Amino acid sequence: MRTPFIAGNWKMNMSRAEATDFANALKEKYHDTDVRTAICAPFVHLELLKNIFEGTDIKVGAQNCHFEDSGAFTGEVSVPMLEELGIDYCIIGHSERREYNNETDETVNLKLKRLFASSILPILCVGENLDQRDAGKEKEIVEAQVKADLEGLTAENVSALTIAYEPIWAIGTGRTASPEQAEEMCAHIRDIISDLYGDAVACETTIQYGGSMKPGNATELMNMENIDGGLIGGASLKVDDFMGIINF
């Protein structure tokens, strides 16, 4: 049985005061659970969150990293820098990074390899856009992403990997992915892993759904066979909403 994994992605939100208030409130309301829990926050809040969550099971994740350990990469943060802070997870290849920051499958692959050489576990994001979905190419696109992103990774790597399926076409379009559509694509990703690494690895790989999971739909989504958790955006900015998903 895979352990459910709920990770909040704050994106570029939260002042230091807001992050402090959120973390203290979450720490107070959080209790022992079988659900893995993490908050992926902007770089400036990572040390703050690690300090507040110390002694709890709440983990802290970054939203990006560079694949080089040091160098002339202004504005970037390296994996060793994150390790110094004791960071647990790192989101890689988010659709917004791919669209606005020229992330490619090649750079995503390099980042995954660097993270797997560290103590930080990656959360890999994949998904198709509106044109690709309307053209009926969603499975083809996601398969190409997964294969390129995982190139050269070992079975041991992939067993420890979290993959977040993001239906990019459902972000800001007024369209939503049904639980059945989310399950279909998460099952497809597991089938790809099975083809590449075998059934045992596919059964161990955690696959999250990354599209508008909320307290109102978390139970239905989490009851799907191949959905092991959620990469939560807007609902991770409010403690009660985030707790409502954790307690699905």
Protein backbone atom coordinates (compact mmCIF):
# COMPACT_ATOMS: atom_id res chain seq x y z
CA MET A 1 0.00 0.00 0.00
CA ARG A 2 1.31 3.44 -0.94
CA THR A 3 1.16 6.11 1.76
CA PRO A 4 -1.04 9.07 0.76
CA PHE A 5 0.99 12.23 0.19
CA ILE A 6 -0.51 15.73 0.38
CA ALA A 7 1.92 18.53 -0.52
CA GLY A 8 1.03 22.21 -0.51
CA ASN A 9 2.54 24.43 -3.20
CA TRP A 10 2.40 28.03 -2.06
CA LYS A 11 3.79 29.29 -5.38
CA MET A 12 4.78 33.00 -5.06
CA ASN A 13 2.55 33.73 -2.08
CA MET A 14 2.82 34.46 1.66
CA SER A 15 4.69 37.24 3.42
CA ARG A 16 6.98 36.23 6.27
CA ALA A 17 4.31 37.17 8.80
CA GLU A 18 1.66 35.19 6.90
CA ALA A 19 3.96 32.18 6.58
CA THR A 20 4.67 32.31 10.32
CA ASP A 21 0.99 32.50 11.24
CA PHE A 22 0.09 29.68 8.84
CA ALA A 23 2.86 27.39 10.06
CA ASN A 24 2.03 27.92 13.73
CA ALA A 25 -1.68 27.33 13.10
CA LEU A 26 -0.99 24.19 11.04
CA LYS A 27 1.35 22.86 13.72
CA GLU A 28 -1.35 23.38 16.33
CA LYS A 29 -4.10 21.63 14.33
CA TYR A 30 -1.97 18.88 12.81
CA HIS A 31 -2.05 15.50 14.50
CA ASP A 32 -0.54 12.08 13.90
CA THR A 33 -1.82 10.74 10.61
CA ASP A 34 -1.01 8.12 8.01
CA VAL A 35 -0.87 10.89 5.39
CA ARG A 36 2.54 12.27 4.42
CA THR A 37 2.36 16.05 4.55
CA ALA A 38 4.62 18.78 3.18
CA ILE A 39 4.58 22.49 2.44
CA CYS A 40 6.58 23.62 -0.62
CA ALA A 41 7.31 27.30 -0.14
CA PRO A 42 9.34 30.14 -1.65
CA PHE A 43 13.05 29.94 -0.84
CA VAL A 44 12.87 32.84 1.64
CA HIS A 45 10.48 30.89 3.92
CA LEU A 46 12.18 27.49 3.96
CA GLU A 47 14.35 27.93 7.05
CA LEU A 48 11.45 29.55 8.91
CA LEU A 49 9.18 26.58 8.17
CA LYS A 50 11.83 24.02 9.10
CA ASN A 51 12.22 25.70 12.47
CA ILE A 52 8.49 25.90 13.20
CA PHE A 53 7.74 22.35 12.05
CA GLU A 54 10.65 20.83 13.98
CA GLY A 55 9.43 17.90 16.06
CA THR A 56 6.41 17.30 13.83
CA ASP A 57 5.87 15.02 10.82
CA ILE A 58 5.25 18.03 8.55
CA LYS A 59 7.97 18.18 5.90
CA VAL A 60 9.26 21.19 3.96
CA GLY A 61 9.87 21.38 0.22
CA ALA A 62 11.40 23.83 -2.22
CA GLN A 63 9.71 24.79 -5.49
CA ASN A 64 12.79 24.52 -7.71
CA CYS A 65 16.54 23.97 -7.72
CA HIS A 66 19.47 24.17 -10.13
CA PHE A 67 21.26 21.08 -11.39
CA GLU A 68 24.73 22.57 -10.79
CA ASP A 69 26.16 22.82 -7.30
CA SER A 70 27.60 26.31 -7.76
CA GLY A 71 28.56 28.83 -10.43
CA ALA A 72 27.47 31.90 -12.32
CA PHE A 73 23.72 31.26 -12.16
CA THR A 74 22.31 34.47 -10.72
CA GLY A 75 19.02 34.02 -8.90
CA GLU A 76 19.30 30.23 -8.68
CA VAL A 77 19.56 27.96 -5.63
CA SER A 78 21.59 24.76 -5.55
CA VAL A 79 20.78 21.38 -4.07
CA PRO A 80 23.63 21.63 -1.50
CA MET A 81 22.17 24.95 -0.32
CA LEU A 82 18.80 23.25 0.21
CA GLU A 83 20.44 20.31 1.96
CA GLU A 84 22.08 22.69 4.44
CA LEU A 85 18.58 23.77 5.47
CA GLY A 86 17.40 20.18 5.86
CA ILE A 87 14.85 20.45 3.05
CA ASP A 88 12.88 17.25 2.45
CA TYR A 89 11.32 17.66 -1.02
CA CYS A 90 11.70 19.73 -4.16
CA ILE A 91 9.16 20.33 -6.93
CA ILE A 92 10.64 19.87 -10.39
CA GLY A 93 9.16 20.72 -13.80
CA HIS A 94 6.01 22.50 -12.63
CA SER A 95 3.93 23.68 -15.60
CA GLU A 96 4.52 27.32 -14.63
CA ARG A 97 8.29 26.75 -14.59
CA ARG A 98 8.09 25.07 -17.97
CA GLU A 99 5.97 27.88 -19.45
CA TYR A 100 7.51 30.99 -17.90
CA ASN A 101 11.08 29.93 -17.13
CA ASN A 102 11.96 27.82 -20.16
CA GLU A 103 12.15 24.54 -18.26
CA THR A 104 12.68 21.64 -20.66
CA ASP A 105 12.60 17.90 -20.21
CA GLU A 106 16.39 17.99 -20.51
CA THR A 107 16.84 20.38 -17.58
CA VAL A 108 14.16 18.57 -15.59
CA ASN A 109 16.08 15.32 -16.09
CA LEU A 110 19.32 16.93 -14.92
CA LYS A 111 17.62 18.28 -11.81
CA LEU A 112 16.07 14.90 -10.99
CA LYS A 113 19.47 13.22 -11.25
CA ARG A 114 21.06 15.83 -9.00
CA LEU A 115 18.31 15.49 -6.40
CA PHE A 116 18.59 11.70 -6.36
CA ALA A 117 22.29 12.15 -5.58
CA SER A 118 21.20 14.10 -2.49
CA SER A 119 18.97 13.61 0.54
CA ILE A 120 16.09 15.57 -1.06
CA LEU A 121 13.25 13.73 -2.79
CA PRO A 122 11.78 15.23 -5.99
CA ILE A 123 8.16 15.82 -6.89
CA LEU A 124 8.04 15.67 -10.70
CA CYS A 125 5.22 17.53 -12.48
CA VAL A 126 3.89 16.43 -15.87
CA GLY A 127 0.74 17.26 -17.82
CA GLU A 128 -0.81 18.40 -21.07
CA ASN A 129 -2.16 21.81 -22.10
CA LEU A 130 -5.56 22.72 -23.55
CA ASP A 131 -4.60 22.35 -27.22
CA GLN A 132 -3.04 18.97 -26.58
CA ARG A 133 -6.09 17.77 -24.63
CA ASP A 134 -8.52 18.99 -27.31
CA ALA A 135 -6.42 17.26 -29.97
CA GLY A 136 -6.69 13.98 -28.08
CA LYS A 137 -2.93 13.83 -27.57
CA GLU A 138 -2.90 13.97 -23.77
CA LYS A 139 -1.59 10.43 -23.24
CA GLU A 140 1.02 10.79 -25.96
CA ILE A 141 2.28 14.09 -24.51
CA VAL A 142 2.48 12.84 -20.94
CA GLU A 143 4.20 9.62 -22.00
CA ALA A 144 6.85 11.60 -23.89
CA GLN A 145 7.39 13.85 -20.84
CA VAL A 146 7.72 10.95 -18.41
CA LYS A 147 10.13 9.02 -20.60
CA ALA A 148 12.35 12.07 -21.24
CA ASP A 149 12.28 13.24 -17.63
CA LEU A 150 13.20 9.79 -16.25
CA GLU A 151 15.95 9.05 -18.77
CA GLY A 152 18.86 7.40 -16.98
CA LEU A 153 17.15 7.10 -13.60
CA THR A 154 17.33 3.78 -11.78
CA ALA A 155 14.46 1.64 -10.55
CA GLU A 156 15.45 2.60 -7.01
CA ASN A 157 15.17 6.29 -7.95
CA VAL A 158 11.73 5.92 -9.48
CA SER A 159 10.44 3.85 -6.54
CA ALA A 160 11.17 6.86 -4.32
CA LEU A 161 9.80 9.41 -6.80
CA THR A 162 6.55 11.35 -6.55
CA ILE A 163 4.93 12.28 -9.88
CA ALA A 164 2.25 14.97 -9.88
CA TYR A 165 -0.14 14.92 -12.84
CA GLU A 166 -1.21 18.49 -13.68
CA PRO A 167 -4.07 19.00 -16.16
CA ILE A 168 -2.74 22.35 -17.37
CA TRP A 169 -5.87 22.77 -19.50
CA ALA A 170 -7.97 23.00 -16.34
CA ILE A 171 -6.02 25.94 -14.88
CA GLY A 172 -7.75 29.27 -15.48
CA THR A 173 -9.88 28.00 -18.37
CA GLY A 174 -13.18 27.43 -16.60
CA ARG A 175 -12.84 23.72 -17.32
CA THR A 176 -12.21 21.12 -14.65
CA ALA A 177 -10.89 17.58 -14.73
CA SER A 178 -13.37 15.03 -13.42
CA PRO A 179 -12.16 12.42 -10.91
CA GLU A 180 -12.47 9.87 -13.71
CA GLN A 181 -10.25 11.93 -16.03
CA ALA A 182 -7.71 12.41 -13.25
CA GLU A 183 -7.71 8.68 -12.48
CA GLU A 184 -7.36 7.79 -16.17
CA MET A 185 -4.22 9.90 -16.54
CA CYS A 186 -2.68 8.81 -13.23
CA ALA A 187 -3.28 5.18 -14.25
CA HIS A 188 -1.66 5.94 -17.61
CA ILE A 189 1.43 7.32 -15.84
CA ARG A 190 1.62 4.17 -13.70
CA ASP A 191 1.39 2.04 -16.84
CA ILE A 192 4.30 4.00 -18.35
CA ILE A 193 6.38 3.37 -15.22
CA SER A 194 5.46 -0.31 -15.39
CA ASP A 195 6.59 -0.53 -19.01
CA LEU A 196 9.89 1.18 -18.17
CA TYR A 197 10.72 -0.34 -14.79
CA GLY A 198 8.31 -3.17 -14.08
CA ASP A 199 5.15 -3.64 -12.05
CA ALA A 200 6.88 -3.63 -8.66
CA VAL A 201 8.38 -0.17 -9.21
CA ALA A 202 5.12 1.14 -10.67
CA CYS A 203 3.28 -0.02 -7.56
CA GLU A 204 5.72 1.85 -5.32
CA THR A 205 5.78 5.15 -7.23
CA THR A 206 3.60 7.84 -5.64
CA ILE A 207 1.34 9.62 -8.14
CA GLN A 208 -0.38 12.83 -7.06
CA TYR A 209 -3.16 14.76 -8.76
CA GLY A 210 -2.18 18.41 -9.21
CA GLY A 211 -5.38 20.13 -10.25
CA SER A 212 -7.69 21.99 -7.86
CA MET A 213 -7.99 19.39 -5.13
CA LYS A 214 -10.14 20.87 -2.34
CA PRO A 215 -11.81 19.60 0.83
CA GLY A 216 -15.03 19.13 -1.17
CA ASN A 217 -13.54 16.77 -3.77
CA ALA A 218 -10.55 15.29 -1.93
CA THR A 219 -12.35 12.15 -0.76
CA GLU A 220 -13.61 11.25 -4.23
CA LEU A 221 -10.22 11.85 -5.81
CA MET A 222 -8.28 10.04 -3.10
CA ASN A 223 -10.58 7.01 -3.39
CA MET A 224 -9.39 6.50 -6.96
CA GLU A 225 -7.07 3.51 -7.29
CA ASN A 226 -4.13 5.33 -8.86
CA ILE A 227 -4.34 8.73 -7.13
CA ASP A 228 -2.04 8.66 -4.11
CA GLY A 229 -2.26 12.29 -3.06
CA GLY A 230 -2.40 15.87 -4.22
CA LEU A 231 -0.09 18.74 -5.06
CA ILE A 232 -2.28 21.49 -3.64
CA GLY A 233 -2.18 25.09 -4.87
CA GLY A 234 -4.80 27.59 -3.68
CA ALA A 235 -6.22 25.36 -0.94
CA SER A 236 -2.76 25.13 0.67
CA LEU A 237 -2.87 28.84 1.52
CA LYS A 238 -5.62 28.38 4.11
CA VAL A 239 -4.97 26.15 7.10
CA ASP A 240 -8.53 24.84 7.41
CA ASP A 241 -8.73 23.99 3.70
CA PHE A 242 -5.36 22.25 3.79
CA MET A 243 -6.30 20.30 6.89
CA GLY A 244 -9.61 19.37 5.25
CA ILE A 245 -7.68 17.72 2.43
CA ILE A 246 -5.23 15.97 4.77
CA ASN A 247 -8.22 14.57 6.67
CA PHE A 248 -9.98 13.41 3.51
